[in-house]
C-alpha atoms as a PDB file:
ATOM      1  CA  MET A   1      17.597 119.433 -69.933  1.00  0.00           C
ATOM      2  CA  PRO A   2      16.405 115.894 -69.071  1.00  0.00           C
ATOM      3  CA  LYS A   3      18.862 114.307 -71.511  1.00  0.00           C
ATOM      4  CA  LEU A   4      21.884 116.220 -70.179  1.00  0.00           C
ATOM      5  CA  LEU A   5      23.610 113.442 -68.264  1.00  0.00           C
ATOM      6  CA  PRO A   6      25.285 114.020 -64.879  1.00  0.00           C
ATOM      7  CA  PRO A   7      28.853 113.402 -66.119  1.00  0.00           C
ATOM      8  CA  PHE A   8      28.403 116.203 -68.658  1.00  0.00           C
ATOM      9  CA  ILE A   9      27.150 118.564 -65.938  1.00  0.00           C
ATOM     10  CA  PHE A  10      30.185 117.572 -63.875  1.00  0.00           C
ATOM     11  CA  LEU A  11      32.547 118.304 -66.782  1.00  0.00           C
ATOM     12  CA  ILE A  12      30.882 121.644 -67.521  1.00  0.00           C
ATOM     13  CA  LEU A  13      31.228 122.704 -63.878  1.00  0.00           C
ATOM     14  CA  LEU A  14      34.818 121.447 -63.706  1.00  0.00           C
ATOM     15  CA  ALA A  15      35.621 123.454 -66.848  1.00  0.00           C
ATOM     16  CA  ALA A  16      34.049 126.520 -65.242  1.00  0.00           C
ATOM     17  CA  LEU A  17      36.245 126.028 -62.160  1.00  0.00           C
ATOM     18  CA  THR A  18      39.310 125.664 -64.385  1.00  0.00           C
ATOM     19  CA  LEU A  19      38.433 128.894 -66.177  1.00  0.00           C
ATOM     20  CA  LEU A  20      37.905 130.611 -62.827  1.00  0.00           C
ATOM     21  CA  SER A  21      41.330 129.443 -61.662  1.00  0.00           C
ATOM     22  CA  LEU A  22      42.923 130.802 -64.854  1.00  0.00           C
ATOM     23  CA  ILE A  23      41.296 134.181 -64.305  1.00  0.00           C
ATOM     24  CA  HIS A  24      42.732 134.233 -60.764  1.00  0.00           C
ATOM     25  CA  PRO A  25      46.015 132.257 -61.069  1.00  0.00           C
ATOM     26  CA  GLN A  26      47.429 133.750 -57.841  1.00  0.00           C
ATOM     27  CA  THR A  27      45.013 131.593 -55.827  1.00  0.00           C
ATOM     28  CA  LEU A  28      46.359 128.261 -57.090  1.00  0.00           C
ATOM     29  CA  GLY A  29      48.651 126.428 -54.707  1.00  0.00           C
ATOM     30  CA  GLN A  30      48.201 128.886 -51.856  1.00  0.00           C
ATOM     31  CA  VAL A  31      47.485 127.735 -48.345  1.00  0.00           C
ATOM     32  CA  HIS A  32      43.793 128.264 -47.731  1.00  0.00           C
ATOM     33  CA  GLN A  33      42.749 130.651 -45.016  1.00  0.00           C
ATOM     34  CA  SER A  34      40.450 127.922 -43.737  1.00  0.00           C
ATOM     35  CA  GLY A  35      43.524 125.769 -43.124  1.00  0.00           C
ATOM     36  CA  VAL A  36      42.750 123.095 -45.713  1.00  0.00           C
ATOM     37  CA  PRO A  37      46.145 121.666 -46.760  1.00  0.00           C
ATOM     38  CA  LEU A  38      46.738 119.951 -50.084  1.00  0.00           C
ATOM     39  CA  VAL A  39      46.878 116.581 -48.294  1.00  0.00           C
ATOM     40  CA  GLU A  40      43.234 116.981 -47.301  1.00  0.00           C
ATOM     41  CA  VAL A  41      42.283 118.020 -50.833  1.00  0.00           C
ATOM     42  CA  ALA A  42      44.034 114.882 -52.124  1.00  0.00           C
ATOM     43  CA  PHE A  43      42.091 112.824 -49.573  1.00  0.00           C
ATOM     44  CA  ILE A  44      38.781 114.296 -50.789  1.00  0.00           C
ATOM     45  CA  VAL A  45      39.775 113.495 -54.380  1.00  0.00           C
ATOM     46  CA  ALA A  46      40.681 109.930 -53.422  1.00  0.00           C
ATOM     47  CA  VAL A  47      37.377 109.356 -51.590  1.00  0.00           C
ATOM     48  CA  GLY A  48      35.439 110.902 -54.481  1.00  0.00           C
ATOM     49  CA  LEU A  49      37.182 108.625 -56.971  1.00  0.00           C
ATOM     50  CA  ILE A  50      36.579 105.561 -54.787  1.00  0.00           C
ATOM     51  CA  PHE A  51      32.847 106.293 -54.714  1.00  0.00           C
ATOM     52  CA  LEU A  52      32.678 107.143 -58.408  1.00  0.00           C
ATOM     53  CA  ILE A  53      34.804 104.326 -59.821  1.00  0.00           C
ATOM     54  CA  GLY A  54      33.704 101.772 -57.226  1.00  0.00           C
ATOM     55  CA  ALA A  55      30.031 102.355 -58.007  1.00  0.00           C
ATOM     56  CA  ARG A  56      30.728 102.108 -61.739  1.00  0.00           C
ATOM     57  CA  ILE A  57      32.455  98.755 -61.199  1.00  0.00           C
ATOM     58  CA  GLN A  58      29.510  97.510 -59.126  1.00  0.00           C
ATOM     59  CA  PHE A  59      27.064  98.551 -61.845  1.00  0.00           C
ATOM     60  CA  ASN A  60      29.113  96.660 -64.433  1.00  0.00           C
ATOM     61  CA  ARG A  61      29.437  93.526 -62.283  1.00  0.00           C
ATOM     62  CA  ASN A  62      25.683  93.442 -61.671  1.00  0.00           C
ATOM     63  CA  ASP A  63      24.748  94.277 -65.274  1.00  0.00           C
ATOM     64  CA  SER A  64      22.876  97.325 -63.975  1.00  0.00           C
ATOM     65  CA  GLU A  65      21.855 100.302 -66.058  1.00  0.00           C
ATOM     66  CA  ILE A  66      24.136 103.260 -65.434  1.00  0.00           C
ATOM     67  CA  MET A  67      22.452 105.758 -67.768  1.00  0.00           C
ATOM     68  CA  THR A  68      20.217 108.122 -65.818  1.00  0.00           C
ATOM     69  CA  PHE A  69      17.278 108.185 -68.216  1.00  0.00           C
ATOM     70  CA  ASP A  70      17.294 104.543 -69.317  1.00  0.00           C
ATOM     71  CA  GLN A  71      15.143 101.879 -67.693  1.00  0.00           C
ATOM     72  CA  PRO A  72      16.801 100.517 -64.527  1.00  0.00           C
ATOM     73  CA  ARG A  73      17.688  96.849 -64.249  1.00  0.00           C
ATOM     74  CA  ASN A  74      19.227  94.755 -61.490  1.00  0.00           C
ATOM     75  CA  LEU A  75      18.940  96.694 -58.227  1.00  0.00           C
ATOM     76  CA  VAL A  76      22.333  97.023 -56.517  1.00  0.00           C
ATOM     77  CA  THR A  77      22.201  97.280 -52.714  1.00  0.00           C
ATOM     78  CA  ASP A  78      25.567  95.937 -51.551  1.00  0.00           C
ATOM     79  CA  GLY A  79      29.088  97.359 -51.377  1.00  0.00           C
ATOM     80  CA  LEU A  80      29.122 101.143 -51.680  1.00  0.00           C
ATOM     81  CA  PHE A  81      25.364 101.085 -52.200  1.00  0.00           C
ATOM     82  CA  ARG A  82      24.961  99.984 -48.570  1.00  0.00           C
ATOM     83  CA  MET A  83      26.332 103.351 -47.448  1.00  0.00           C
ATOM     84  CA  SER A  84      24.674 105.536 -50.072  1.00  0.00           C
ATOM     85  CA  ARG A  85      21.921 105.072 -52.636  1.00  0.00           C
ATOM     86  CA  ASN A  86      23.857 107.456 -54.880  1.00  0.00           C
ATOM     87  CA  PRO A  87      27.608 106.901 -54.541  1.00  0.00           C
ATOM     88  CA  MET A  88      28.324 108.158 -58.059  1.00  0.00           C
ATOM     89  CA  TYR A  89      26.628 111.503 -57.409  1.00  0.00           C
ATOM     90  CA  LEU A  90      28.482 111.664 -54.104  1.00  0.00           C
ATOM     91  CA  GLY A  91      31.770 111.035 -55.915  1.00  0.00           C
ATOM     92  CA  PHE A  92      31.111 113.755 -58.495  1.00  0.00           C
ATOM     93  CA  THR A  93      30.176 116.201 -55.721  1.00  0.00           C
ATOM     94  CA  LEU A  94      33.310 115.440 -53.700  1.00  0.00           C
ATOM     95  CA  LEU A  95      35.520 115.953 -56.761  1.00  0.00           C
ATOM     96  CA  LEU A  96      33.915 119.337 -57.362  1.00  0.00           C
ATOM     97  CA  VAL A  97      34.431 120.271 -53.697  1.00  0.00           C
ATOM     98  CA  ALA A  98      38.130 119.377 -54.034  1.00  0.00           C
ATOM     99  CA  ALA A  99      38.429 121.443 -57.224  1.00  0.00           C
ATOM    100  CA  SER A 100      36.729 124.368 -55.476  1.00  0.00           C
ATOM    101  CA  LEU A 101      39.208 124.155 -52.621  1.00  0.00           C
ATOM    102  CA  MET A 102      42.043 124.331 -55.140  1.00  0.00           C
ATOM    103  CA  VAL A 103      40.567 127.423 -56.803  1.00  0.00           C
ATOM    104  CA  ASN A 104      40.385 128.985 -53.325  1.00  0.00           C
ATOM    105  CA  LEU A 105      37.601 131.453 -54.078  1.00  0.00           C
ATOM    106  CA  TRP A 106      34.280 131.512 -52.279  1.00  0.00           C
ATOM    107  CA  CYS A 107      32.344 131.639 -55.564  1.00  0.00           C
ATOM    108  CA  ALA A 108      33.999 128.387 -56.673  1.00  0.00           C
ATOM    109  CA  PHE A 109      31.770 126.538 -54.213  1.00  0.00           C
ATOM    110  CA  LEU A 110      28.781 127.397 -56.368  1.00  0.00           C
ATOM    111  CA  ALA A 111      29.889 124.546 -58.674  1.00  0.00           C
ATOM    112  CA  PRO A 112      29.539 121.663 -56.178  1.00  0.00           C
ATOM    113  CA  ALA A 113      26.410 123.306 -54.779  1.00  0.00           C
ATOM    114  CA  ALA A 114      24.870 123.469 -58.252  1.00  0.00           C
ATOM    115  CA  PHE A 115      25.750 119.829 -58.937  1.00  0.00           C
ATOM    116  CA  PHE A 116      24.335 118.751 -55.579  1.00  0.00           C
ATOM    117  CA  LEU A 117      21.089 120.641 -56.184  1.00  0.00           C
ATOM    118  CA  LEU A 118      20.669 119.229 -59.697  1.00  0.00           C
ATOM    119  CA  ALA A 119      21.367 115.715 -58.491  1.00  0.00           C
ATOM    120  CA  ASN A 120      19.200 115.962 -55.391  1.00  0.00           C
ATOM    121  CA  TYR A 121      16.192 117.649 -56.960  1.00  0.00           C
ATOM    122  CA  TRP A 122      16.294 116.533 -60.607  1.00  0.00           C
ATOM    123  CA  TYR A 123      18.286 113.382 -61.363  1.00  0.00           C
ATOM    124  CA  ILE A 124      17.799 111.380 -58.167  1.00  0.00           C
ATOM    125  CA  PRO A 125      14.014 111.884 -57.937  1.00  0.00           C
ATOM    126  CA  PHE A 126      13.734 110.777 -61.582  1.00  0.00           C
ATOM    127  CA  GLU A 127      15.828 107.660 -60.887  1.00  0.00           C
ATOM    128  CA  GLU A 128      13.959 106.903 -57.662  1.00  0.00           C
ATOM    129  CA  ALA A 129      10.584 107.050 -59.397  1.00  0.00           C
ATOM    130  CA  ALA A 130      11.823 104.732 -62.152  1.00  0.00           C
ATOM    131  CA  SER A 131      13.303 102.342 -59.580  1.00  0.00           C
ATOM    132  CA  LYS A 132      10.036 102.241 -57.616  1.00  0.00           C
ATOM    133  CA  ASP A 133       8.166 101.422 -60.816  1.00  0.00           C
ATOM    134  CA  ILE A 134      10.531  98.578 -61.726  1.00  0.00           C
ATOM    135  CA  PHE A 135      11.588  97.140 -58.346  1.00  0.00           C
ATOM    136  CA  GLY A 136       8.542  98.020 -56.207  1.00  0.00           C
ATOM    137  CA  ASP A 137       8.761  96.914 -52.574  1.00  0.00           C
ATOM    138  CA  ASP A 138      12.405  95.866 -52.882  1.00  0.00           C
ATOM    139  CA  TYR A 139      13.386  99.419 -53.762  1.00  0.00           C
ATOM    140  CA  GLU A 140      11.185 100.932 -51.051  1.00  0.00           C
ATOM    141  CA  GLN A 141      12.804  98.672 -48.437  1.00  0.00           C
ATOM    142  CA  TYR A 142      16.235  99.667 -49.731  1.00  0.00           C
ATOM    143  CA  GLN A 143      15.194 103.318 -49.625  1.00  0.00           C
ATOM    144  CA  ASN A 144      14.030 102.948 -46.017  1.00  0.00           C
ATOM    145  CA  HIS A 145      17.348 101.390 -44.913  1.00  0.00           C
ATOM    146  CA  THR A 146      19.894 103.364 -46.926  1.00  0.00           C
ATOM    147  CA  ARG A 147      20.339 107.124 -47.011  1.00  0.00           C
ATOM    148  CA  ARG A 148      20.205 109.088 -50.221  1.00  0.00           C
ATOM    149  CA  TRP A 149      23.689 110.550 -49.822  1.00  0.00           C
ATOM    150  CA  LEU A 150      25.481 109.207 -46.729  1.00  0.00           C
END
């Protein structure tokens, strides 16, 4: 399990949502009982992509390590990382929420919940421990001033 990277978990859960939507095709495109129109779903997708792609760009610009289980380098604390210590996980979670809204079944929300729980209790604690080891006080100060999610 430790080497299963977050993007693969995301893709597995997205595939499960796609399969669920194929099993229940009548739910696609319907207006949700909760009143969530497609415009709001598109907005959630856009915000998720901004967090995901924006954080990736920041990692590249700062020559930071993006791989979860590799040694961190070059702490990034500006841009999207001022709002969230984990904008990529936030982006993945938002995309899964949007996909769940499109499936329009209550059980579809197990996918973003599962991703959130894995990120919050497995991946992020691993990354935080590694960051504390490498960056020390700088990371602890960042941790004290910036929330884990939002």
